[in-house]
PDB file of N, CA and C in Angstrom:
ATOM      1  N   UNK A   1     182.645  31.960  66.185  1.00  0.00           N
ATOM      2  CA  UNK A   1     183.058  33.260  66.688  1.00  0.00           C
ATOM      3  C   UNK A   1     182.142  34.317  66.064  1.00  0.00           C
ATOM      4  N   UNK A   2     181.386  35.046  66.871  1.00  0.00           N
ATOM      5  CA  UNK A   2     180.411  35.996  66.314  1.00  0.00           C
ATOM      6  C   UNK A   2     181.039  37.207  65.656  1.00  0.00           C
ATOM      7  N   UNK A   3     182.187  37.664  66.132  1.00  0.00           N
ATOM      8  CA  UNK A   3     182.807  38.864  65.584  1.00  0.00           C
ATOM      9  C   UNK A   3     183.995  38.508  64.698  1.00  0.00           C
ATOM     10  N   UNK A   4     183.704  38.214  63.449  1.00  0.00           N
ATOM     11  CA  UNK A   4     184.769  37.929  62.487  1.00  0.00           C
ATOM     12  C   UNK A   4     185.392  39.257  62.063  1.00  0.00           C
ATOM     13  N   UNK A   5     186.718  39.370  62.099  1.00  0.00           N
ATOM     14  CA  UNK A   5     187.352  40.642  61.738  1.00  0.00           C
ATOM     15  C   UNK A   5     187.381  40.914  60.236  1.00  0.00           C
ATOM     16  N   UNK A   6     187.009  39.952  59.417  1.00  0.00           N
ATOM     17  CA  UNK A   6     187.167  40.108  57.966  1.00  0.00           C
ATOM     18  C   UNK A   6     186.534  41.383  57.395  1.00  0.00           C
ATOM     19  N   UNK A   7     185.280  41.740  57.735  1.00  0.00           N
ATOM     20  CA  UNK A   7     184.718  42.974  57.135  1.00  0.00           C
ATOM     21  C   UNK A   7     185.512  44.222  57.518  1.00  0.00           C
ATOM     22  N   UNK A   8     185.954  44.303  58.766  1.00  0.00           N
ATOM     23  CA  UNK A   8     186.730  45.464  59.198  1.00  0.00           C
ATOM     24  C   UNK A   8     188.076  45.508  58.501  1.00  0.00           C
ATOM     25  N   UNK A   9     188.693  44.342  58.346  1.00  0.00           N
ATOM     26  CA  UNK A   9     189.989  44.300  57.671  1.00  0.00           C
ATOM     27  C   UNK A   9     189.838  44.691  56.208  1.00  0.00           C
ATOM     28  N   UNK A  10     188.781  44.229  55.563  1.00  0.00           N
ATOM     29  CA  UNK A  10     188.542  44.634  54.169  1.00  0.00           C
ATOM     30  C   UNK A  10     188.293  46.133  54.079  1.00  0.00           C
ATOM     31  N   UNK A  11     187.557  46.686  55.042  1.00  0.00           N
ATOM     32  CA  UNK A  11     187.320  48.124  55.098  1.00  0.00           C
ATOM     33  C   UNK A  11     188.652  48.870  55.167  1.00  0.00           C
ATOM     34  N   UNK A  12     189.531  48.413  56.047  1.00  0.00           N
ATOM     35  CA  UNK A  12     190.820  49.092  56.203  1.00  0.00           C
ATOM     36  C   UNK A  12     191.704  48.920  54.981  1.00  0.00           C
ATOM     37  N   UNK A  13     191.713  47.723  54.386  1.00  0.00           N
ATOM     38  CA  UNK A  13     192.486  47.531  53.149  1.00  0.00           C
ATOM     39  C   UNK A  13     192.013  48.509  52.065  1.00  0.00           C
ATOM     40  N   UNK A  14     190.703  48.652  51.932  1.00  0.00           N
ATOM     41  CA  UNK A  14     190.129  49.569  50.948  1.00  0.00           C
ATOM     42  C   UNK A  14     190.557  51.006  51.239  1.00  0.00           C
ATOM     43  N   UNK A  15     190.581  51.373  52.518  1.00  0.00           N
ATOM     44  CA  UNK A  15     190.983  52.731  52.902  1.00  0.00           C
ATOM     45  C   UNK A  15     192.446  52.996  52.542  1.00  0.00           C
ATOM     46  N   UNK A  16     193.320  52.010  52.795  1.00  0.00           N
ATOM     47  CA  UNK A  16     194.737  52.195  52.446  1.00  0.00           C
ATOM     48  C   UNK A  16     194.913  52.324  50.935  1.00  0.00           C
ATOM     49  N   UNK A  17     194.195  51.524  50.171  1.00  0.00           N
ATOM     50  CA  UNK A  17     194.275  51.619  48.710  1.00  0.00           C
ATOM     51  C   UNK A  17     193.849  53.021  48.257  1.00  0.00           C
ATOM     52  N   UNK A  18     192.744  53.515  48.807  1.00  0.00           N
ATOM     53  CA  UNK A  18     192.251  54.847  48.429  1.00  0.00           C
ATOM     54  C   UNK A  18     193.261  55.929  48.819  1.00  0.00           C
ATOM     55  N   UNK A  19     193.822  55.825  50.031  1.00  0.00           N
ATOM     56  CA  UNK A  19     194.811  56.809  50.473  1.00  0.00           C
ATOM     57  C   UNK A  19     196.016  56.823  49.538  1.00  0.00           C
ATOM     58  N   UNK A  20     196.556  55.647  49.253  1.00  0.00           N
ATOM     59  CA  UNK A  20     197.750  55.571  48.410  1.00  0.00           C
ATOM     60  C   UNK A  20     197.478  56.035  46.979  1.00  0.00           C
ATOM     61  N   UNK A  21     196.220  55.902  46.523  1.00  0.00           N
ATOM     62  CA  UNK A  21     195.833  56.374  45.186  1.00  0.00           C
ATOM     63  C   UNK A  21     195.463  57.857  45.195  1.00  0.00           C
ATOM     64  N   UNK A  22     195.497  58.462  46.404  1.00  0.00           N
ATOM     65  CA  UNK A  22     195.102  59.868  46.580  1.00  0.00           C
ATOM     66  C   UNK A  22     193.642  60.090  46.192  1.00  0.00           C
ATOM     67  N   UNK A  23     192.815  59.071  46.419  1.00  0.00           N
ATOM     68  CA  UNK A  23     191.380  59.158  46.139  1.00  0.00           C
ATOM     69  C   UNK A  23     190.677  59.555  47.438  1.00  0.00           C
ATOM     70  N   UNK A  24     190.717  60.850  47.727  1.00  0.00           N
ATOM     71  CA  UNK A  24     190.190  61.346  48.998  1.00  0.00           C
ATOM     72  C   UNK A  24     188.720  61.002  49.160  1.00  0.00           C
ATOM     73  N   UNK A  25     187.915  61.192  48.124  1.00  0.00           N
ATOM     74  CA  UNK A  25     186.478  60.932  48.251  1.00  0.00           C
ATOM     75  C   UNK A  25     186.196  59.475  48.611  1.00  0.00           C
ATOM     76  N   UNK A  26     186.912  58.546  47.997  1.00  0.00           N
ATOM     77  CA  UNK A  26     186.712  57.124  48.307  1.00  0.00           C
ATOM     78  C   UNK A  26     187.116  56.830  49.747  1.00  0.00           C
ATOM     79  N   UNK A  27     188.209  57.424  50.202  1.00  0.00           N
ATOM     80  CA  UNK A  27     188.651  57.194  51.578  1.00  0.00           C
ATOM     81  C   UNK A  27     187.669  57.808  52.577  1.00  0.00           C
ATOM     82  N   UNK A  28     187.229  59.030  52.326  1.00  0.00           N
ATOM     83  CA  UNK A  28     186.312  59.695  53.252  1.00  0.00           C
ATOM     84  C   UNK A  28     184.960  58.986  53.330  1.00  0.00           C
ATOM     85  N   UNK A  29     184.560  58.320  52.260  1.00  0.00           N
ATOM     86  CA  UNK A  29     183.291  57.577  52.257  1.00  0.00           C
ATOM     87  C   UNK A  29     183.318  56.412  53.243  1.00  0.00           C
ATOM     88  N   UNK A  30     184.505  56.037  53.710  1.00  0.00           N
ATOM     89  CA  UNK A  30     184.659  54.922  54.641  1.00  0.00           C
ATOM     90  C   UNK A  30     184.719  55.392  56.091  1.00  0.00           C
ATOM     91  N   UNK A  31     184.490  56.688  56.332  1.00  0.00           N
ATOM     92  CA  UNK A  31     184.638  57.262  57.665  1.00  0.00           C
ATOM     93  C   UNK A  31     183.307  57.779  58.200  1.00  0.00           C
ATOM     94  N   UNK A  32     183.187  57.763  59.540  1.00  0.00           N
ATOM     95  CA  UNK A  32     181.999  58.311  60.192  1.00  0.00           C
ATOM     96  C   UNK A  32     182.048  59.843  60.129  1.00  0.00           C
ATOM     97  N   UNK A  33     180.887  60.505  60.289  1.00  0.00           N
ATOM     98  CA  UNK A  33     180.871  61.974  60.277  1.00  0.00           C
ATOM     99  C   UNK A  33     181.695  62.589  61.412  1.00  0.00           C
ATOM    100  N   UNK A  34     181.906  61.840  62.501  1.00  0.00           N
ATOM    101  CA  UNK A  34     182.673  62.373  63.635  1.00  0.00           C
ATOM    102  C   UNK A  34     184.078  61.778  63.716  1.00  0.00           C
ATOM    103  N   UNK A  35     184.614  61.344  62.578  1.00  0.00           N
ATOM    104  CA  UNK A  35     185.941  60.722  62.546  1.00  0.00           C
ATOM    105  C   UNK A  35     186.986  61.646  63.175  1.00  0.00           C
ATOM    106  N   UNK A  36     187.939  61.029  63.888  1.00  0.00           N
ATOM    107  CA  UNK A  36     189.111  61.783  64.361  1.00  0.00           C
ATOM    108  C   UNK A  36     190.347  61.129  63.773  1.00  0.00           C
ATOM    109  N   UNK A  37     191.263  61.982  63.316  1.00  0.00           N
ATOM    110  CA  UNK A  37     192.413  61.515  62.543  1.00  0.00           C
ATOM    111  C   UNK A  37     193.656  62.260  63.003  1.00  0.00           C
ATOM    112  N   UNK A  38     194.776  61.551  63.170  1.00  0.00           N
ATOM    113  CA  UNK A  38     195.986  62.233  63.647  1.00  0.00           C
ATOM    114  C   UNK A  38     196.637  63.077  62.556  1.00  0.00           C
ATOM    115  N   UNK A  39     197.152  64.195  62.987  1.00  0.00           N
ATOM    116  CA  UNK A  39     197.999  65.010  62.103  1.00  0.00           C
ATOM    117  C   UNK A  39     199.425  64.528  62.344  1.00  0.00           C
ATOM    118  N   UNK A  40     199.737  63.381  61.777  1.00  0.00           N
ATOM    119  CA  UNK A  40     200.971  62.661  62.101  1.00  0.00           C
ATOM    120  C   UNK A  40     202.223  63.502  61.903  1.00  0.00           C
ATOM    121  N   UNK A  41     202.225  64.364  60.920  1.00  0.00           N
ATOM    122  CA  UNK A  41     203.423  65.150  60.636  1.00  0.00           C
ATOM    123  C   UNK A  41     203.331  66.556  61.214  1.00  0.00           C
ATOM    124  N   UNK A  42     202.222  66.874  61.857  1.00  0.00           N
ATOM    125  CA  UNK A  42     202.028  68.222  62.394  1.00  0.00           C
ATOM    126  C   UNK A  42     201.710  68.210  63.884  1.00  0.00           C
ATOM    127  N   UNK A  43     201.192  67.111  64.386  1.00  0.00           N
ATOM    128  CA  UNK A  43     200.778  67.021  65.782  1.00  0.00           C
ATOM    129  C   UNK A  43     199.300  67.301  65.946  1.00  0.00           C
ATOM    130  N   UNK A  44     198.705  66.672  66.941  1.00  0.00           N
ATOM    131  CA  UNK A  44     197.286  66.864  67.226  1.00  0.00           C
ATOM    132  C   UNK A  44     196.404  66.005  66.332  1.00  0.00           C
ATOM    133  N   UNK A  45     195.125  66.344  66.321  1.00  0.00           N
ATOM    134  CA  UNK A  45     194.135  65.597  65.544  1.00  0.00           C
ATOM    135  C   UNK A  45     193.265  66.561  64.764  1.00  0.00           C
ATOM    136  N   UNK A  46     192.635  66.039  63.703  1.00  0.00           N
ATOM    137  CA  UNK A  46     191.580  66.759  63.011  1.00  0.00           C
ATOM    138  C   UNK A  46     190.297  65.960  63.207  1.00  0.00           C
ATOM    139  N   UNK A  47     189.165  66.650  63.127  1.00  0.00           N
ATOM    140  CA  UNK A  47     187.874  66.024  63.398  1.00  0.00           C
ATOM    141  C   UNK A  47     186.909  66.281  62.260  1.00  0.00           C
ATOM    142  N   UNK A  48     186.331  65.190  61.732  1.00  0.00           N
ATOM    143  CA  UNK A  48     185.356  65.280  60.659  1.00  0.00           C
ATOM    144  C   UNK A  48     186.003  65.092  59.296  1.00  0.00           C
ATOM    145  N   UNK A  49     185.225  64.541  58.357  1.00  0.00           N
ATOM    146  CA  UNK A  49     185.776  64.243  57.028  1.00  0.00           C
ATOM    147  C   UNK A  49     186.362  65.447  56.306  1.00  0.00           C
ATOM    148  N   UNK A  50     185.742  66.611  56.403  1.00  0.00           N
ATOM    149  CA  UNK A  50     186.274  67.762  55.669  1.00  0.00           C
ATOM    150  C   UNK A  50     187.602  68.228  56.252  1.00  0.00           C
ATOM    151  N   UNK A  51     187.789  68.065  57.552  1.00  0.00           N
ATOM    152  CA  UNK A  51     189.077  68.401  58.167  1.00  0.00           C
ATOM    153  C   UNK A  51     190.145  67.388  57.747  1.00  0.00           C
ATOM    154  N   UNK A  52     189.759  66.113  57.608  1.00  0.00           N
ATOM    155  CA  UNK A  52     190.691  65.103  57.108  1.00  0.00           C
ATOM    156  C   UNK A  52     191.088  65.449  55.675  1.00  0.00           C
ATOM    157  N   UNK A  53     190.110  65.836  54.862  1.00  0.00           N
ATOM    158  CA  UNK A  53     190.396  66.236  53.472  1.00  0.00           C
ATOM    159  C   UNK A  53     191.412  67.380  53.439  1.00  0.00           C
ATOM    160  N   UNK A  54     191.190  68.395  54.259  1.00  0.00           N
ATOM    161  CA  UNK A  54     192.087  69.554  54.273  1.00  0.00           C
ATOM    162  C   UNK A  54     193.489  69.146  54.729  1.00  0.00           C
ATOM    163  N   UNK A  55     193.565  68.301  55.763  1.00  0.00           N
ATOM    164  CA  UNK A  55     194.870  67.857  56.255  1.00  0.00           C
ATOM    165  C   UNK A  55     195.607  67.053  55.195  1.00  0.00           C
ATOM    166  N   UNK A  56     194.933  66.079  54.585  1.00  0.00           N
ATOM    167  CA  UNK A  56     195.594  65.269  53.560  1.00  0.00           C
ATOM    168  C   UNK A  56     196.042  66.124  52.383  1.00  0.00           C
ATOM    169  N   UNK A  57     195.197  67.070  51.960  1.00  0.00           N
ATOM    170  CA  UNK A  57     195.558  67.946  50.845  1.00  0.00           C
ATOM    171  C   UNK A  57     196.819  68.736  51.187  1.00  0.00           C
ATOM    172  N   UNK A  58     196.867  69.273  52.405  1.00  0.00           N
ATOM    173  CA  UNK A  58     198.057  70.004  52.865  1.00  0.00           C
ATOM    174  C   UNK A  58     199.266  69.066  52.903  1.00  0.00           C
ATOM    175  N   UNK A  59     199.084  67.880  53.473  1.00  0.00           N
ATOM    176  CA  UNK A  59     200.179  66.913  53.599  1.00  0.00           C
ATOM    177  C   UNK A  59     200.748  66.553  52.234  1.00  0.00           C
ATOM    178  N   UNK A  60     199.870  66.268  51.273  1.00  0.00           N
ATOM    179  CA  UNK A  60     200.326  65.822  49.958  1.00  0.00           C
ATOM    180  C   UNK A  60     200.973  66.944  49.155  1.00  0.00           C
ATOM    181  N   UNK A  61     200.760  68.195  49.557  1.00  0.00           N
ATOM    182  CA  UNK A  61     201.460  69.314  48.935  1.00  0.00           C
ATOM    183  C   UNK A  61     202.868  69.475  49.482  1.00  0.00           C
ATOM    184  N   UNK A  62     203.173  68.769  50.601  1.00  0.00           N
ATOM    185  CA  UNK A  62     204.478  68.896  51.246  1.00  0.00           C
ATOM    186  C   UNK A  62     205.313  67.622  51.164  1.00  0.00           C
ATOM    187  N   UNK A  63     204.652  66.471  51.260  1.00  0.00           N
ATOM    188  CA  UNK A  63     205.361  65.189  51.255  1.00  0.00           C
ATOM    189  C   UNK A  63     204.563  64.167  50.458  1.00  0.00           C
ATOM    190  N   UNK A  64     205.222  63.078  50.099  1.00  0.00           N
ATOM    191  CA  UNK A  64     204.592  61.976  49.386  1.00  0.00           C
ATOM    192  C   UNK A  64     204.713  60.732  50.263  1.00  0.00           C
ATOM    193  N   UNK A  65     203.619  60.404  50.950  1.00  0.00           N
ATOM    194  CA  UNK A  65     203.629  59.250  51.837  1.00  0.00           C
ATOM    195  C   UNK A  65     202.900  58.066  51.215  1.00  0.00           C
ATOM    196  N   UNK A  66     203.445  56.889  51.429  1.00  0.00           N
ATOM    197  CA  UNK A  66     202.814  55.650  50.973  1.00  0.00           C
ATOM    198  C   UNK A  66     202.813  54.693  52.156  1.00  0.00           C
ATOM    199  N   UNK A  67     201.642  54.168  52.498  1.00  0.00           N
ATOM    200  CA  UNK A  67     201.524  53.250  53.633  1.00  0.00           C
ATOM    201  C   UNK A  67     200.914  51.938  53.161  1.00  0.00           C
ATOM    202  N   UNK A  68     201.633  50.870  53.414  1.00  0.00           N
ATOM    203  CA  UNK A  68     201.205  49.546  52.972  1.00  0.00           C
ATOM    204  C   UNK A  68     200.942  48.679  54.200  1.00  0.00           C
ATOM    205  N   UNK A  69     199.693  48.215  54.396  1.00  0.00           N
ATOM    206  CA  UNK A  69     199.435  47.357  55.557  1.00  0.00           C
ATOM    207  C   UNK A  69     200.176  46.031  55.435  1.00  0.00           C
ATOM    208  N   UNK A  70     200.799  45.620  56.539  1.00  0.00           N
ATOM    209  CA  UNK A  70     201.577  44.392  56.577  1.00  0.00           C
ATOM    210  C   UNK A  70     200.848  43.322  57.386  1.00  0.00           C
ATOM    211  N   UNK A  71     200.232  43.735  58.496  1.00  0.00           N
ATOM    212  CA  UNK A  71     199.535  42.781  59.366  1.00  0.00           C
ATOM    213  C   UNK A  71     198.401  43.494  60.092  1.00  0.00           C
ATOM    214  N   UNK A  72     197.351  42.756  60.379  1.00  0.00           N
ATOM    215  CA  UNK A  72     196.182  43.252  61.096  1.00  0.00           C
ATOM    216  C   UNK A  72     196.030  42.453  62.384  1.00  0.00           C
ATOM    217  N   UNK A  73     195.829  43.157  63.501  1.00  0.00           N
ATOM    218  CA  UNK A  73     195.668  42.499  64.805  1.00  0.00           C
ATOM    219  C   UNK A  73     194.383  43.002  65.451  1.00  0.00           C
ATOM    220  N   UNK A  74     193.412  42.118  65.644  1.00  0.00           N
ATOM    221  CA  UNK A  74     192.188  42.472  66.346  1.00  0.00           C
ATOM    222  C   UNK A  74     192.498  42.497  67.830  1.00  0.00           C
ATOM    223  N   UNK A  75     192.238  43.622  68.465  1.00  0.00           N
ATOM    224  CA  UNK A  75     192.557  43.769  69.883  1.00  0.00           C
ATOM    225  C   UNK A  75     191.331  43.445  70.736  1.00  0.00           C
ATOM    226  N   UNK A  76     191.592  43.192  72.013  1.00  0.00           N
ATOM    227  CA  UNK A  76     190.529  42.770  72.925  1.00  0.00           C
ATOM    228  C   UNK A  76     189.400  43.789  73.044  1.00  0.00           C
ATOM    229  N   UNK A  77     189.722  45.071  72.895  1.00  0.00           N
ATOM    230  CA  UNK A  77     188.702  46.114  73.038  1.00  0.00           C
ATOM    231  C   UNK A  77     187.956  46.384  71.728  1.00  0.00           C
ATOM    232  N   UNK A  78     188.228  45.568  70.695  1.00  0.00           N
ATOM    233  CA  UNK A  78     187.529  45.734  69.423  1.00  0.00           C
ATOM    234  C   UNK A  78     188.255  46.621  68.435  1.00  0.00           C
ATOM    235  N   UNK A  79     189.310  47.281  68.889  1.00  0.00           N
ATOM    236  CA  UNK A  79     190.084  48.091  67.952  1.00  0.00           C
ATOM    237  C   UNK A  79     190.945  47.167  67.103  1.00  0.00           C
ATOM    238  N   UNK A  80     191.440  47.704  66.006  1.00  0.00           N
ATOM    239  CA  UNK A  80     192.304  46.932  65.122  1.00  0.00           C
ATOM    240  C   UNK A  80     193.627  47.669  64.992  1.00  0.00           C
ATOM    241  N   UNK A  81     194.702  46.967  65.325  1.00  0.00           N
ATOM    242  CA  UNK A  81     196.048  47.512  65.160  1.00  0.00           C
ATOM    243  C   UNK A  81     196.585  47.017  63.828  1.00  0.00           C
ATOM    244  N   UNK A  82     196.983  47.957  62.982  1.00  0.00           N
ATOM    245  CA  UNK A  82     197.529  47.618  61.677  1.00  0.00           C
ATOM    246  C   UNK A  82     199.009  47.974  61.682  1.00  0.00           C
ATOM    247  N   UNK A  83     199.831  46.983  61.387  1.00  0.00           N
ATOM    248  CA  UNK A  83     201.250  47.258  61.178  1.00  0.00           C
ATOM    249  C   UNK A  83     201.393  47.696  59.734  1.00  0.00           C
ATOM    250  N   UNK A  84     201.979  48.881  59.533  1.00  0.00           N
ATOM    251  CA  UNK A  84     202.149  49.383  58.177  1.00  0.00           C
ATOM    252  C   UNK A  84     203.619  49.654  57.890  1.00  0.00           C
ATOM    253  N   UNK A  85     203.984  49.431  56.631  1.00  0.00           N
ATOM    254  CA  UNK A  85     205.297  49.848  56.136  1.00  0.00           C
ATOM    255  C   UNK A  85     205.077  51.207  55.508  1.00  0.00           C
ATOM    256  N   UNK A  86     205.696  52.208  56.092  1.00  0.00           N
ATOM    257  CA  UNK A  86     205.500  53.596  55.676  1.00  0.00           C
ATOM    258  C   UNK A  86     206.769  54.121  55.016  1.00  0.00           C
ATOM    259  N   UNK A  87     206.610  54.633  53.805  1.00  0.00           N
ATOM    260  CA  UNK A  87     207.718  55.293  53.115  1.00  0.00           C
ATOM    261  C   UNK A  87     207.265  56.719  52.825  1.00  0.00           C
ATOM    262  N   UNK A  88     208.033  57.661  53.319  1.00  0.00           N
ATOM    263  CA  UNK A  88     207.714  59.079  53.121  1.00  0.00           C
ATOM    264  C   UNK A  88     208.852  59.708  52.332  1.00  0.00           C
ATOM    265  N   UNK A  89     208.483  60.378  51.248  1.00  0.00           N
ATOM    266  CA  UNK A  89     209.466  61.068  50.405  1.00  0.00           C
ATOM    267  C   UNK A  89     209.122  62.557  50.359  1.00  0.00           C
ATOM    268  N   UNK A  90     210.148  63.360  50.105  1.00  0.00           N
ATOM    269  CA  UNK A  90     209.843  64.752  49.814  1.00  0.00           C
ATOM    270  C   UNK A  90     209.363  64.820  48.367  1.00  0.00           C
ATOM    271  N   UNK A  91     208.963  65.998  47.933  1.00  0.00           N
ATOM    272  CA  UNK A  91     208.371  66.100  46.599  1.00  0.00           C
ATOM    273  C   UNK A  91     209.378  65.888  45.478  1.00  0.00           C
ATOM    274  N   UNK A  92     210.665  65.873  45.821  1.00  0.00           N
ATOM    275  CA  UNK A  92     211.702  65.565  44.827  1.00  0.00           C
ATOM    276  C   UNK A  92     212.025  64.079  44.780  1.00  0.00           C
ATOM    277  N   UNK A  93     211.405  63.286  45.677  1.00  0.00           N
ATOM    278  CA  UNK A  93     211.605  61.840  45.669  1.00  0.00           C
ATOM    279  C   UNK A  93     212.625  61.329  46.670  1.00  0.00           C
ATOM    280  N   UNK A  94     213.224  62.218  47.448  1.00  0.00           N
ATOM    281  CA  UNK A  94     214.191  61.790  48.466  1.00  0.00           C
ATOM    282  C   UNK A  94     213.451  61.138  49.634  1.00  0.00           C
ATOM    283  N   UNK A  95     213.903  59.964  50.059  1.00  0.00           N
ATOM    284  CA  UNK A  95     213.254  59.253  51.162  1.00  0.00           C
ATOM    285  C   UNK A  95     213.552  59.970  52.479  1.00  0.00           C
ATOM    286  N   UNK A  96     212.484  60.355  53.172  1.00  0.00           N
ATOM    287  CA  UNK A  96     212.608  61.007  54.476  1.00  0.00           C
ATOM    288  C   UNK A  96     212.423  60.004  55.606  1.00  0.00           C
ATOM    289  N   UNK A  97     211.603  58.973  55.369  1.00  0.00           N
ATOM    290  CA  UNK A  97     211.350  57.947  56.384  1.00  0.00           C
ATOM    291  C   UNK A  97     211.015  56.646  55.672  1.00  0.00           C
ATOM    292  N   UNK A  98     211.515  55.547  56.211  1.00  0.00           N
ATOM    293  CA  UNK A  98     211.211  54.213  55.698  1.00  0.00           C
ATOM    294  C   UNK A  98     211.152  53.327  56.934  1.00  0.00           C
ATOM    295  N   UNK A  99     209.945  53.083  57.438  1.00  0.00           N
ATOM    296  CA  UNK A  99     209.808  52.443  58.739  1.00  0.00           C
ATOM    297  C   UNK A  99     208.497  51.679  58.853  1.00  0.00           C
ATOM    298  N   UNK A 100     208.423  50.859  59.877  1.00  0.00           N
ATOM    299  CA  UNK A 100     207.181  50.174  60.221  1.00  0.00           C
ATOM    300  C   UNK A 100     206.589  50.895  61.422  1.00  0.00           C
ATOM    301  N   UNK A 101     205.311  51.246  61.315  1.00  0.00           N
ATOM    302  CA  UNK A 101     204.606  51.942  62.394  1.00  0.00           C
ATOM    303  C   UNK A 101     203.264  51.267  62.618  1.00  0.00           C
ATOM    304  N   UNK A 102     202.632  51.622  63.721  1.00  0.00           N
ATOM    305  CA  UNK A 102     201.315  51.083  64.035  1.00  0.00           C
ATOM    306  C   UNK A 102     200.238  52.128  63.814  1.00  0.00           C
ATOM    307  N   UNK A 103     199.124  51.692  63.261  1.00  0.00           N
ATOM    308  CA  UNK A 103     197.918  52.504  63.129  1.00  0.00           C
ATOM    309  C   UNK A 103     196.814  51.760  63.871  1.00  0.00           C
ATOM    310  N   UNK A 104     196.256  52.367  64.907  1.00  0.00           N
ATOM    311  CA  UNK A 104     195.175  51.733  65.662  1.00  0.00           C
ATOM    312  C   UNK A 104     193.855  52.388  65.247  1.00  0.00           C
ATOM    313  N   UNK A 105     192.944  51.558  64.756  1.00  0.00           N
ATOM    314  CA  UNK A 105     191.660  52.042  64.254  1.00  0.00           C
ATOM    315  C   UNK A 105     190.522  51.690  65.188  1.00  0.00           C
ATOM    316  N   UNK A 106     189.574  52.604  65.280  1.00  0.00           N
ATOM    317  CA  UNK A 106     188.293  52.351  65.919  1.00  0.00           C
ATOM    318  C   UNK A 106     187.257  52.302  64.801  1.00  0.00           C
ATOM    319  N   UNK A 107     186.496  51.207  64.754  1.00  0.00           N
ATOM    320  CA  UNK A 107     185.464  51.019  63.732  1.00  0.00           C
ATOM    321  C   UNK A 107     184.108  51.117  64.410  1.00  0.00           C
ATOM    322  N   UNK A 108     183.206  51.883  63.825  1.00  0.00           N
ATOM    323  CA  UNK A 108     181.864  52.045  64.380  1.00  0.00           C
ATOM    324  C   UNK A 108     180.848  51.916  63.245  1.00  0.00           C
ATOM    325  N   UNK A 109     179.915  50.986  63.394  1.00  0.00           N
ATOM    326  CA  UNK A 109     178.868  50.766  62.384  1.00  0.00           C
ATOM    327  C   UNK A 109     179.463  50.558  60.987  1.00  0.00           C
ATOM    328  N   UNK A 110     180.560  49.812  60.920  1.00  0.00           N
ATOM    329  CA  UNK A 110     181.157  49.475  59.633  1.00  0.00           C
ATOM    330  C   UNK A 110     181.949  50.585  58.979  1.00  0.00           C
ATOM    331  N   UNK A 111     182.226  51.667  59.725  1.00  0.00           N
ATOM    332  CA  UNK A 111     182.999  52.785  59.189  1.00  0.00           C
ATOM    333  C   UNK A 111     184.142  53.130  60.143  1.00  0.00           C
ATOM    334  N   UNK A 112     185.151  53.795  59.630  1.00  0.00           N
ATOM    335  CA  UNK A 112     186.282  54.213  60.454  1.00  0.00           C
ATOM    336  C   UNK A 112     185.867  55.427  61.273  1.00  0.00           C
ATOM    337  N   UNK A 113     185.950  55.269  62.599  1.00  0.00           N
ATOM    338  CA  UNK A 113     185.612  56.380  63.485  1.00  0.00           C
ATOM    339  C   UNK A 113     186.860  57.116  63.962  1.00  0.00           C
ATOM    340  N   UNK A 114     187.973  56.407  63.968  1.00  0.00           N
ATOM    341  CA  UNK A 114     189.183  57.065  64.424  1.00  0.00           C
ATOM    342  C   UNK A 114     190.421  56.260  64.111  1.00  0.00           C
ATOM    343  N   UNK A 115     191.553  56.962  64.084  1.00  0.00           N
ATOM    344  CA  UNK A 115     192.846  56.323  63.890  1.00  0.00           C
ATOM    345  C   UNK A 115     193.844  57.067  64.741  1.00  0.00           C
ATOM    346  N   UNK A 116     194.793  56.321  65.278  1.00  0.00           N
ATOM    347  CA  UNK A 116     195.904  56.935  65.984  1.00  0.00           C
ATOM    348  C   UNK A 116     197.174  56.204  65.591  1.00  0.00           C
ATOM    349  N   UNK A 117     198.263  56.940  65.557  1.00  0.00           N
ATOM    350  CA  UNK A 117     199.567  56.337  65.312  1.00  0.00           C
ATOM    351  C   UNK A 117     200.070  55.856  66.660  1.00  0.00           C
ATOM    352  N   UNK A 118     200.582  54.627  66.706  1.00  0.00           N
ATOM    353  CA  UNK A 118     201.000  54.055  67.978  1.00  0.00           C
ATOM    354  C   UNK A 118     202.212  53.163  67.779  1.00  0.00           C
ATOM    355  N   UNK A 119     202.909  52.861  68.863  1.00  0.00           N
ATOM    356  CA  UNK A 119     204.038  51.935  68.736  1.00  0.00           C
ATOM    357  C   UNK A 119     203.528  50.541  68.419  1.00  0.00           C
ATOM    358  N   UNK A 120     204.353  49.782  67.748  1.00  0.00           N
ATOM    359  CA  UNK A 120     204.020  48.390  67.479  1.00  0.00           C
ATOM    360  C   UNK A 120     204.358  47.555  68.709  1.00  0.00           C
ATOM    361  N   UNK A 121     203.582  46.504  68.970  1.00  0.00           N
ATOM    362  CA  UNK A 121     203.920  45.643  70.098  1.00  0.00           C
ATOM    363  C   UNK A 121     205.239  44.931  69.838  1.00  0.00           C
ATOM    364  N   UNK A 122     205.885  44.510  70.896  1.00  0.00           N
ATOM    365  CA  UNK A 122     207.120  43.750  70.727  1.00  0.00           C
ATOM    366  C   UNK A 122     206.804  42.441  70.035  1.00  0.00           C
ATOM    367  N   UNK A 123     207.837  41.797  69.535  1.00  0.00           N
ATOM    368  CA  UNK A 123     207.613  40.542  68.813  1.00  0.00           C
ATOM    369  C   UNK A 123     207.421  39.380  69.773  1.00  0.00           C
ATOM    370  N   UNK A 124     207.352  39.651  71.061  1.00  0.00           N
ATOM    371  CA  UNK A 124     207.130  38.619  72.061  1.00  0.00           C
ATOM    372  C   UNK A 124     205.707  38.093  71.924  1.00  0.00           C
ATOM    373  N   UNK A 125     205.516  36.805  71.549  1.00  0.00           N
ATOM    374  CA  UNK A 125     204.166  36.293  71.342  1.00  0.00           C
ATOM    375  C   UNK A 125     203.330  36.299  72.608  1.00  0.00           C
ATOM    376  N   UNK A 126     203.931  36.368  73.773  1.00  0.00           N
ATOM    377  CA  UNK A 126     203.163  36.402  75.009  1.00  0.00           C
ATOM    378  C   UNK A 126     202.704  37.785  75.393  1.00  0.00           C
ATOM    379  N   UNK A 127     203.100  38.777  74.636  1.00  0.00           N
ATOM    380  CA  UNK A 127     202.766  40.168  74.989  1.00  0.00           C
ATOM    381  C   UNK A 127     201.309  40.470  74.757  1.00  0.00           C
TER     382      UNK A 127
END
């Protein structure tokens, strides 16, 4: 199989580790200059690493989110759907959300070009 997903999956694992550690520079180093990223708690998207930095900085001043990848699915179009366990707390530690969500990534030249929050597929193996 010419397209082994392992490098992309390692890239995404590294990105989640950096995000959860609040290491913005390490996470942004894994993104293309034209990255697009969802403003999951605000709506819309931001474009470019510096806009992602500003959004994350704003987000972390309001909430404490932790996302742990649970499963990686290589899709037919080359995108990767990551099932994540997401726990969001307010700054006092109260849990606001504890759920599994989907993150669909577009990888370009070994870097993250985009991410979108999406529904997870049903557990039907034929889906």
